[in-house]
Amino acid sequence: MAKESMKARERKRQMMVDKFAAKRAALKEAGDYEALQKLPKNASPVRLHNRCQLTGRPKGYMRQFGISRINFREMALKGLIPGVKKASW
């Protein structure tokens, strides 16, 4: 389980990215790179890091489901993810 401060930091970064997305796009379109540099660092989408929505785990993230591999496996075995079942051949 990730620390609450790390989860909060990622949420804060996501809000900043959402807030400045339109402004960043307009500045990029105009080619005004000096104004882009004056925006907050956390307004850049590159600074975001994918984390599990349930636990906040940063590694083993499955983009399609938005959760870590560990939670995915547990949920799949319990039948909580529609259309996913354990392979057997």
PDB file of N, CA and C in Angstrom:
ATOM      1  N   MET A   1       0.836  -1.174   0.000  1.00  0.00           N
ATOM      2  CA  MET A   1       0.000   0.000   0.000  1.00  0.00           C
ATOM      3  C   MET A   1       0.885   1.243   0.000  1.00  0.00           C
ATOM      4  N   ALA A   2       0.630   2.134  -0.924  1.00  0.00           N
ATOM      5  CA  ALA A   2       1.429   3.353  -1.019  1.00  0.00           C
ATOM      6  C   ALA A   2       1.059   4.322   0.104  1.00  0.00           C
ATOM      7  N   LYS A   3       1.982   5.191   0.435  1.00  0.00           N
ATOM      8  CA  LYS A   3       1.708   6.195   1.444  1.00  0.00           C
ATOM      9  C   LYS A   3       0.622   7.136   0.926  1.00  0.00           C
ATOM     10  N   GLU A   4      -0.186   7.629   1.830  1.00  0.00           N
ATOM     11  CA  GLU A   4      -1.269   8.540   1.447  1.00  0.00           C
ATOM     12  C   GLU A   4      -0.713   9.814   0.822  1.00  0.00           C
ATOM     13  N   SER A   5       0.474  10.238   1.265  1.00  0.00           N
ATOM     14  CA  SER A   5       1.067  11.456   0.720  1.00  0.00           C
ATOM     15  C   SER A   5       1.424  11.281  -0.757  1.00  0.00           C
ATOM     16  N   MET A   6       1.858  10.078  -1.128  1.00  0.00           N
ATOM     17  CA  MET A   6       2.205   9.825  -2.536  1.00  0.00           C
ATOM     18  C   MET A   6       0.955   9.829  -3.399  1.00  0.00           C
ATOM     19  N   LYS A   7      -0.121   9.215  -2.889  1.00  0.00           N
ATOM     20  CA  LYS A   7      -1.384   9.211  -3.630  1.00  0.00           C
ATOM     21  C   LYS A   7      -1.917  10.635  -3.787  1.00  0.00           C
ATOM     22  N   ALA A   8      -1.819  11.417  -2.719  1.00  0.00           N
ATOM     23  CA  ALA A   8      -2.292  12.804  -2.754  1.00  0.00           C
ATOM     24  C   ALA A   8      -1.472  13.631  -3.732  1.00  0.00           C
ATOM     25  N   ARG A   9      -0.167  13.390  -3.780  1.00  0.00           N
ATOM     26  CA  ARG A   9       0.703  14.113  -4.703  1.00  0.00           C
ATOM     27  C   ARG A   9       0.325  13.835  -6.150  1.00  0.00           C
ATOM     28  N   GLU A  10       0.020  12.584  -6.447  1.00  0.00           N
ATOM     29  CA  GLU A  10      -0.386  12.222  -7.812  1.00  0.00           C
ATOM     30  C   GLU A  10      -1.725  12.849  -8.170  1.00  0.00           C
ATOM     31  N   ARG A  11      -2.664  12.871  -7.213  1.00  0.00           N
ATOM     32  CA  ARG A  11      -3.965  13.517  -7.471  1.00  0.00           C
ATOM     33  C   ARG A  11      -3.779  15.003  -7.740  1.00  0.00           C
ATOM     34  N   LYS A  12      -2.888  15.632  -6.968  1.00  0.00           N
ATOM     35  CA  LYS A  12      -2.626  17.059  -7.133  1.00  0.00           C
ATOM     36  C   LYS A  12      -2.024  17.338  -8.515  1.00  0.00           C
ATOM     37  N   ARG A  13      -1.090  16.494  -8.931  1.00  0.00           N
ATOM     38  CA  ARG A  13      -0.489  16.652 -10.254  1.00  0.00           C
ATOM     39  C   ARG A  13      -1.531  16.483 -11.350  1.00  0.00           C
ATOM     40  N   GLN A  14      -2.425  15.501 -11.184  1.00  0.00           N
ATOM     41  CA  GLN A  14      -3.459  15.265 -12.188  1.00  0.00           C
ATOM     42  C   GLN A  14      -4.384  16.475 -12.311  1.00  0.00           C
ATOM     43  N   MET A  15      -4.712  17.099 -11.173  1.00  0.00           N
ATOM     44  CA  MET A  15      -5.559  18.293 -11.207  1.00  0.00           C
ATOM     45  C   MET A  15      -4.851  19.438 -11.915  1.00  0.00           C
ATOM     46  N   MET A  16      -3.548  19.581 -11.693  1.00  0.00           N
ATOM     47  CA  MET A  16      -2.779  20.646 -12.346  1.00  0.00           C
ATOM     48  C   MET A  16      -2.728  20.422 -13.857  1.00  0.00           C
ATOM     49  N   VAL A  17      -2.520  19.189 -14.262  1.00  0.00           N
ATOM     50  CA  VAL A  17      -2.468  18.866 -15.693  1.00  0.00           C
ATOM     51  C   VAL A  17      -3.806  19.199 -16.338  1.00  0.00           C
ATOM     52  N   ASP A  18      -4.901  18.808 -15.688  1.00  0.00           N
ATOM     53  CA  ASP A  18      -6.229  19.087 -16.223  1.00  0.00           C
ATOM     54  C   ASP A  18      -6.501  20.584 -16.299  1.00  0.00           C
ATOM     55  N   LYS A  19      -6.070  21.306 -15.275  1.00  0.00           N
ATOM     56  CA  LYS A  19      -6.312  22.744 -15.200  1.00  0.00           C
ATOM     57  C   LYS A  19      -5.600  23.504 -16.321  1.00  0.00           C
ATOM     58  N   PHE A  20      -4.358  23.126 -16.622  1.00  0.00           N
ATOM     59  CA  PHE A  20      -3.548  23.866 -17.587  1.00  0.00           C
ATOM     60  C   PHE A  20      -3.512  23.228 -18.980  1.00  0.00           C
ATOM     61  N   ALA A  21      -4.291  22.185 -19.223  1.00  0.00           N
ATOM     62  CA  ALA A  21      -4.226  21.470 -20.502  1.00  0.00           C
ATOM     63  C   ALA A  21      -4.544  22.379 -21.682  1.00  0.00           C
ATOM     64  N   ALA A  22      -5.620  23.145 -21.586  1.00  0.00           N
ATOM     65  CA  ALA A  22      -6.028  24.019 -22.691  1.00  0.00           C
ATOM     66  C   ALA A  22      -4.985  25.119 -22.921  1.00  0.00           C
ATOM     67  N   LYS A  23      -4.493  25.683 -21.829  1.00  0.00           N
ATOM     68  CA  LYS A  23      -3.495  26.752 -21.940  1.00  0.00           C
ATOM     69  C   LYS A  23      -2.202  26.226 -22.555  1.00  0.00           C
ATOM     70  N   ARG A  24      -1.770  25.020 -22.136  1.00  0.00           N
ATOM     71  CA  ARG A  24      -0.557  24.413 -22.701  1.00  0.00           C
ATOM     72  C   ARG A  24      -0.714  24.169 -24.194  1.00  0.00           C
ATOM     73  N   ALA A  25      -1.878  23.664 -24.584  1.00  0.00           N
ATOM     74  CA  ALA A  25      -2.121  23.386 -25.999  1.00  0.00           C
ATOM     75  C   ALA A  25      -2.080  24.667 -26.823  1.00  0.00           C
ATOM     76  N   ALA A  26      -2.680  25.741 -26.299  1.00  0.00           N
ATOM     77  CA  ALA A  26      -2.692  27.024 -27.015  1.00  0.00           C
ATOM     78  C   ALA A  26      -1.274  27.578 -27.155  1.00  0.00           C
ATOM     79  N   LEU A  27      -0.485  27.487 -26.085  1.00  0.00           N
ATOM     80  CA  LEU A  27       0.884  28.009 -26.132  1.00  0.00           C
ATOM     81  C   LEU A  27       1.756  27.190 -27.077  1.00  0.00           C
ATOM     82  N   LYS A  28       1.549  25.881 -27.093  1.00  0.00           N
ATOM     83  CA  LYS A  28       2.313  25.041 -28.019  1.00  0.00           C
ATOM     84  C   LYS A  28       1.951  25.369 -29.458  1.00  0.00           C
ATOM     85  N   GLU A  29       0.656  25.582 -29.695  1.00  0.00           N
ATOM     86  CA  GLU A  29       0.184  25.920 -31.043  1.00  0.00           C
ATOM     87  C   GLU A  29       0.816  27.224 -31.524  1.00  0.00           C
ATOM     88  N   ALA A  30       0.922  28.198 -30.606  1.00  0.00           N
ATOM     89  CA  ALA A  30       1.490  29.493 -30.958  1.00  0.00           C
ATOM     90  C   ALA A  30       3.015  29.445 -31.012  1.00  0.00           C
ATOM     91  N   GLY A  31       3.615  28.407 -30.451  1.00  0.00           N
ATOM     92  CA  GLY A  31       5.074  28.301 -30.434  1.00  0.00           C
ATOM     93  C   GLY A  31       5.715  29.184 -29.386  1.00  0.00           C
ATOM     94  N   ASP A  32       4.958  29.574 -28.379  1.00  0.00           N
ATOM     95  CA  ASP A  32       5.461  30.456 -27.323  1.00  0.00           C
ATOM     96  C   ASP A  32       6.080  29.608 -26.204  1.00  0.00           C
ATOM     97  N   TYR A  33       7.331  29.218 -26.399  1.00  0.00           N
ATOM     98  CA  TYR A  33       7.984  28.319 -25.460  1.00  0.00           C
ATOM     99  C   TYR A  33       8.429  29.014 -24.182  1.00  0.00           C
ATOM    100  N   GLU A  34       8.618  30.316 -24.222  1.00  0.00           N
ATOM    101  CA  GLU A  34       8.983  31.043 -23.000  1.00  0.00           C
ATOM    102  C   GLU A  34       7.807  31.046 -22.033  1.00  0.00           C
ATOM    103  N   ALA A  35       6.616  31.245 -22.551  1.00  0.00           N
ATOM    104  CA  ALA A  35       5.424  31.227 -21.695  1.00  0.00           C
ATOM    105  C   ALA A  35       5.161  29.814 -21.179  1.00  0.00           C
ATOM    106  N   LEU A  36       5.468  28.806 -21.990  1.00  0.00           N
ATOM    107  CA  LEU A  36       5.306  27.417 -21.550  1.00  0.00           C
ATOM    108  C   LEU A  36       6.199  27.124 -20.349  1.00  0.00           C
ATOM    109  N   GLN A  37       7.411  27.668 -20.374  1.00  0.00           N
ATOM    110  CA  GLN A  37       8.346  27.426 -19.271  1.00  0.00           C
ATOM    111  C   GLN A  37       7.900  28.103 -17.983  1.00  0.00           C
ATOM    112  N   LYS A  38       7.061  29.139 -18.101  1.00  0.00           N
ATOM    113  CA  LYS A  38       6.594  29.851 -16.911  1.00  0.00           C
ATOM    114  C   LYS A  38       5.420  29.144 -16.232  1.00  0.00           C
ATOM    115  N   LEU A  39       4.842  28.164 -16.901  1.00  0.00           N
ATOM    116  CA  LEU A  39       3.778  27.381 -16.270  1.00  0.00           C
ATOM    117  C   LEU A  39       4.372  26.525 -15.152  1.00  0.00           C
ATOM    118  N   PRO A  40       3.566  26.101 -14.197  1.00  0.00           N
ATOM    119  CA  PRO A  40       4.092  25.242 -13.127  1.00  0.00           C
ATOM    120  C   PRO A  40       4.638  23.924 -13.673  1.00  0.00           C
ATOM    121  N   LYS A  41       5.669  23.403 -13.025  1.00  0.00           N
ATOM    122  CA  LYS A  41       6.272  22.144 -13.479  1.00  0.00           C
ATOM    123  C   LYS A  41       5.259  21.006 -13.474  1.00  0.00           C
ATOM    124  N   ASN A  42       4.408  20.973 -12.453  1.00  0.00           N
ATOM    125  CA  ASN A  42       3.451  19.881 -12.325  1.00  0.00           C
ATOM    126  C   ASN A  42       2.294  19.982 -13.318  1.00  0.00           C
ATOM    127  N   ALA A  43       2.277  21.017 -14.140  1.00  0.00           N
ATOM    128  CA  ALA A  43       1.239  21.150 -15.160  1.00  0.00           C
ATOM    129  C   ALA A  43       1.586  20.327 -16.400  1.00  0.00           C
ATOM    130  N   SER A  44       2.784  19.770 -16.429  1.00  0.00           N
ATOM    131  CA  SER A  44       3.204  18.957 -17.559  1.00  0.00           C
ATOM    132  C   SER A  44       2.735  17.515 -17.383  1.00  0.00           C
ATOM    133  N   PRO A  45       2.083  16.937 -18.397  1.00  0.00           N
ATOM    134  CA  PRO A  45       1.605  15.560 -18.263  1.00  0.00           C
ATOM    135  C   PRO A  45       2.726  14.528 -18.149  1.00  0.00           C
ATOM    136  N   VAL A  46       3.937  14.901 -18.497  1.00  0.00           N
ATOM    137  CA  VAL A  46       5.070  13.981 -18.410  1.00  0.00           C
ATOM    138  C   VAL A  46       5.385  13.642 -16.956  1.00  0.00           C
ATOM    139  N   ARG A  47       5.024  14.526 -16.044  1.00  0.00           N
ATOM    140  CA  ARG A  47       5.339  14.307 -14.628  1.00  0.00           C
ATOM    141  C   ARG A  47       4.369  13.356 -13.932  1.00  0.00           C
ATOM    142  N   LEU A  48       3.295  12.981 -14.609  1.00  0.00           N
ATOM    143  CA  LEU A  48       2.349  12.030 -14.025  1.00  0.00           C
ATOM    144  C   LEU A  48       2.943  10.631 -14.030  1.00  0.00           C
ATOM    145  N   HIS A  49       2.566   9.837 -13.040  1.00  0.00           N
ATOM    146  CA  HIS A  49       3.020   8.459 -12.964  1.00  0.00           C
ATOM    147  C   HIS A  49       1.805   7.588 -12.749  1.00  0.00           C
ATOM    148  N   ASN A  50       1.670   6.522 -13.532  1.00  0.00           N
ATOM    149  CA  ASN A  50       0.529   5.633 -13.389  1.00  0.00           C
ATOM    150  C   ASN A  50       0.603   4.891 -12.059  1.00  0.00           C
ATOM    151  N   ARG A  51      -0.506   4.893 -11.327  1.00  0.00           N
ATOM    152  CA  ARG A  51      -0.587   4.196 -10.052  1.00  0.00           C
ATOM    153  C   ARG A  51      -1.889   3.413  -9.988  1.00  0.00           C
ATOM    154  N   CYS A  52      -1.856   2.323  -9.254  1.00  0.00           N
ATOM    155  CA  CYS A  52      -3.044   1.499  -9.031  1.00  0.00           C
ATOM    156  C   CYS A  52      -4.113   2.353  -8.351  1.00  0.00           C
ATOM    157  N   GLN A  53      -5.346   2.287  -8.842  1.00  0.00           N
ATOM    158  CA  GLN A  53      -6.432   3.078  -8.259  1.00  0.00           C
ATOM    159  C   GLN A  53      -6.834   2.572  -6.886  1.00  0.00           C
ATOM    160  N   LEU A  54      -6.595   1.304  -6.619  1.00  0.00           N
ATOM    161  CA  LEU A  54      -7.015   0.729  -5.341  1.00  0.00           C
ATOM    162  C   LEU A  54      -5.962   0.892  -4.252  1.00  0.00           C
ATOM    163  N   THR A  55      -4.701   0.612  -4.586  1.00  0.00           N
ATOM    164  CA  THR A  55      -3.651   0.616  -3.565  1.00  0.00           C
ATOM    165  C   THR A  55      -2.625   1.726  -3.740  1.00  0.00           C
ATOM    166  N   GLY A  56      -2.507   2.296  -4.922  1.00  0.00           N
ATOM    167  CA  GLY A  56      -1.500   3.320  -5.167  1.00  0.00           C
ATOM    168  C   GLY A  56      -0.157   2.752  -5.569  1.00  0.00           C
ATOM    169  N   ARG A  57      -0.091   1.446  -5.813  1.00  0.00           N
ATOM    170  CA  ARG A  57       1.167   0.799  -6.182  1.00  0.00           C
ATOM    171  C   ARG A  57       1.662   1.359  -7.520  1.00  0.00           C
ATOM    172  N   PRO A  58       2.937   1.820  -7.605  1.00  0.00           N
ATOM    173  CA  PRO A  58       3.439   2.429  -8.834  1.00  0.00           C
ATOM    174  C   PRO A  58       3.971   1.432  -9.854  1.00  0.00           C
ATOM    175  N   LYS A  59       4.305   0.216  -9.416  1.00  0.00           N
ATOM    176  CA  LYS A  59       4.888  -0.748 -10.340  1.00  0.00           C
ATOM    177  C   LYS A  59       3.876  -1.834 -10.679  1.00  0.00           C
ATOM    178  N   GLY A  60       4.027  -2.437 -11.834  1.00  0.00           N
ATOM    179  CA  GLY A  60       3.133  -3.507 -12.238  1.00  0.00           C
ATOM    180  C   GLY A  60       1.753  -2.990 -12.589  1.00  0.00           C
ATOM    181  N   TYR A  61       1.666  -1.782 -13.124  1.00  0.00           N
ATOM    182  CA  TYR A  61       0.394  -1.138 -13.461  1.00  0.00           C
ATOM    183  C   TYR A  61      -0.121  -1.667 -14.794  1.00  0.00           C
ATOM    184  N   MET A  62      -1.392  -2.065 -14.838  1.00  0.00           N
ATOM    185  CA  MET A  62      -2.019  -2.530 -16.076  1.00  0.00           C
ATOM    186  C   MET A  62      -2.912  -1.409 -16.591  1.00  0.00           C
ATOM    187  N   ARG A  63      -2.480  -0.777 -17.664  1.00  0.00           N
ATOM    188  CA  ARG A  63      -3.139   0.411 -18.184  1.00  0.00           C
ATOM    189  C   ARG A  63      -4.597   0.169 -18.566  1.00  0.00           C
ATOM    190  N   GLN A  64      -4.875  -0.988 -19.149  1.00  0.00           N
ATOM    191  CA  GLN A  64      -6.218  -1.290 -19.632  1.00  0.00           C
ATOM    192  C   GLN A  64      -7.245  -1.325 -18.487  1.00  0.00           C
ATOM    193  N   PHE A  65      -6.796  -1.717 -17.297  1.00  0.00           N
ATOM    194  CA  PHE A  65      -7.710  -1.860 -16.166  1.00  0.00           C
ATOM    195  C   PHE A  65      -7.502  -0.790 -15.100  1.00  0.00           C
ATOM    196  N   GLY A  66      -6.364  -0.124 -15.097  1.00  0.00           N
ATOM    197  CA  GLY A  66      -6.091   0.933 -14.131  1.00  0.00           C
ATOM    198  C   GLY A  66      -5.718   0.442 -12.749  1.00  0.00           C
ATOM    199  N   ILE A  67      -5.320  -0.834 -12.659  1.00  0.00           N
ATOM    200  CA  ILE A  67      -4.937  -1.397 -11.370  1.00  0.00           C
ATOM    201  C   ILE A  67      -3.619  -2.153 -11.514  1.00  0.00           C
ATOM    202  N   SER A  68      -3.040  -2.520 -10.378  1.00  0.00           N
ATOM    203  CA  SER A  68      -1.769  -3.251 -10.408  1.00  0.00           C
ATOM    204  C   SER A  68      -2.010  -4.713 -10.764  1.00  0.00           C
ATOM    205  N   ARG A  69      -0.961  -5.392 -11.133  1.00  0.00           N
ATOM    206  CA  ARG A  69      -1.056  -6.802 -11.536  1.00  0.00           C
ATOM    207  C   ARG A  69      -1.537  -7.673 -10.386  1.00  0.00           C
ATOM    208  N   ILE A  70      -1.171  -7.313  -9.178  1.00  0.00           N
ATOM    209  CA  ILE A  70      -1.551  -8.106  -8.010  1.00  0.00           C
ATOM    210  C   ILE A  70      -3.057  -8.026  -7.773  1.00  0.00           C
ATOM    211  N   ASN A  71      -3.583  -6.794  -7.789  1.00  0.00           N
ATOM    212  CA  ASN A  71      -5.024  -6.631  -7.609  1.00  0.00           C
ATOM    213  C   ASN A  71      -5.789  -7.221  -8.783  1.00  0.00           C
ATOM    214  N   PHE A  72      -5.224  -7.106  -9.981  1.00  0.00           N
ATOM    215  CA  PHE A  72      -5.878  -7.684 -11.152  1.00  0.00           C
ATOM    216  C   PHE A  72      -6.024  -9.193 -10.986  1.00  0.00           C
ATOM    217  N   ARG A  73      -4.975  -9.845 -10.542  1.00  0.00           N
ATOM    218  CA  ARG A  73      -5.002 -11.302 -10.386  1.00  0.00           C
ATOM    219  C   ARG A  73      -6.021 -11.726  -9.333  1.00  0.00           C
ATOM    220  N   GLU A  74      -6.021 -11.014  -8.207  1.00  0.00           N
ATOM    221  CA  GLU A  74      -6.979 -11.338  -7.144  1.00  0.00           C
ATOM    222  C   GLU A  74      -8.419 -11.169  -7.624  1.00  0.00           C
ATOM    223  N   MET A  75      -8.674 -10.061  -8.308  1.00  0.00           N
ATOM    224  CA  MET A  75     -10.034  -9.781  -8.773  1.00  0.00           C
ATOM    225  C   MET A  75     -10.457 -10.749  -9.878  1.00  0.00           C
ATOM    226  N   ALA A  76      -9.528 -11.108 -10.748  1.00  0.00           N
ATOM    227  CA  ALA A  76      -9.845 -12.042 -11.829  1.00  0.00           C
ATOM    228  C   ALA A  76     -10.169 -13.426 -11.275  1.00  0.00           C
ATOM    229  N   LEU A  77      -9.412 -13.874 -10.280  1.00  0.00           N
ATOM    230  CA  LEU A  77      -9.665 -15.186  -9.684  1.00  0.00           C
ATOM    231  C   LEU A  77     -11.002 -15.233  -8.933  1.00  0.00           C
ATOM    232  N   LYS A  78     -11.408 -14.090  -8.389  1.00  0.00           N
ATOM    233  CA  LYS A  78     -12.696 -14.025  -7.700  1.00  0.00           C
ATOM    234  C   LYS A  78     -13.860 -13.821  -8.670  1.00  0.00           C
ATOM    235  N   GLY A  79     -13.526 -13.543  -9.953  1.00  0.00           N
ATOM    236  CA  GLY A  79     -14.571 -13.324 -10.946  1.00  0.00           C
ATOM    237  C   GLY A  79     -15.152 -11.929 -10.931  1.00  0.00           C
ATOM    238  N   LEU A  80     -14.412 -10.957 -10.423  1.00  0.00           N
ATOM    239  CA  LEU A  80     -14.899  -9.586 -10.317  1.00  0.00           C
ATOM    240  C   LEU A  80     -14.673  -8.760 -11.575  1.00  0.00           C
ATOM    241  N   ILE A  81     -13.857  -9.267 -12.499  1.00  0.00           N
ATOM    242  CA  ILE A  81     -13.585  -8.539 -13.745  1.00  0.00           C
ATOM    243  C   ILE A  81     -14.316  -9.272 -14.870  1.00  0.00           C
ATOM    244  N   PRO A  82     -15.317  -8.633 -15.487  1.00  0.00           N
ATOM    245  CA  PRO A  82     -16.094  -9.307 -16.528  1.00  0.00           C
ATOM    246  C   PRO A  82     -15.233  -9.674 -17.739  1.00  0.00           C
ATOM    247  N   GLY A  83     -15.433 -10.880 -18.247  1.00  0.00           N
ATOM    248  CA  GLY A  83     -14.743 -11.313 -19.451  1.00  0.00           C
ATOM    249  C   GLY A  83     -13.341 -11.835 -19.235  1.00  0.00           C
ATOM    250  N   VAL A  84     -12.884 -11.871 -18.016  1.00  0.00           N
ATOM    251  CA  VAL A  84     -11.521 -12.332 -17.720  1.00  0.00           C
ATOM    252  C   VAL A  84     -11.618 -13.618 -16.916  1.00  0.00           C
ATOM    253  N   LYS A  85     -10.912 -14.655 -17.390  1.00  0.00           N
ATOM    254  CA  LYS A  85     -10.861 -15.902 -16.637  1.00  0.00           C
ATOM    255  C   LYS A  85      -9.464 -16.488 -16.765  1.00  0.00           C
ATOM    256  N   LYS A  86      -9.131 -17.358 -15.843  1.00  0.00           N
ATOM    257  CA  LYS A  86      -7.805 -17.974 -15.822  1.00  0.00           C
ATOM    258  C   LYS A  86      -7.659 -18.922 -17.008  1.00  0.00           C
ATOM    259  N   ALA A  87      -6.538 -18.828 -17.663  1.00  0.00           N
ATOM    260  CA  ALA A  87      -6.278 -19.672 -18.830  1.00  0.00           C
ATOM    261  C   ALA A  87      -5.966 -21.097 -18.401  1.00  0.00           C
ATOM    262  N   SER A  88      -6.473 -22.053 -19.172  1.00  0.00           N
ATOM    263  CA  SER A  88      -6.098 -23.453 -18.959  1.00  0.00           C
ATOM    264  C   SER A  88      -6.168 -24.167 -20.297  1.00  0.00           C
ATOM    265  N   TRP A  89      -5.151 -24.931 -20.612  1.00  0.00           N
ATOM    266  CA  TRP A  89      -5.129 -25.648 -21.883  1.00  0.00           C
ATOM    267  C   TRP A  89      -4.476 -26.995 -21.745  1.00  0.00           C
TER     268      TRP A  89
END
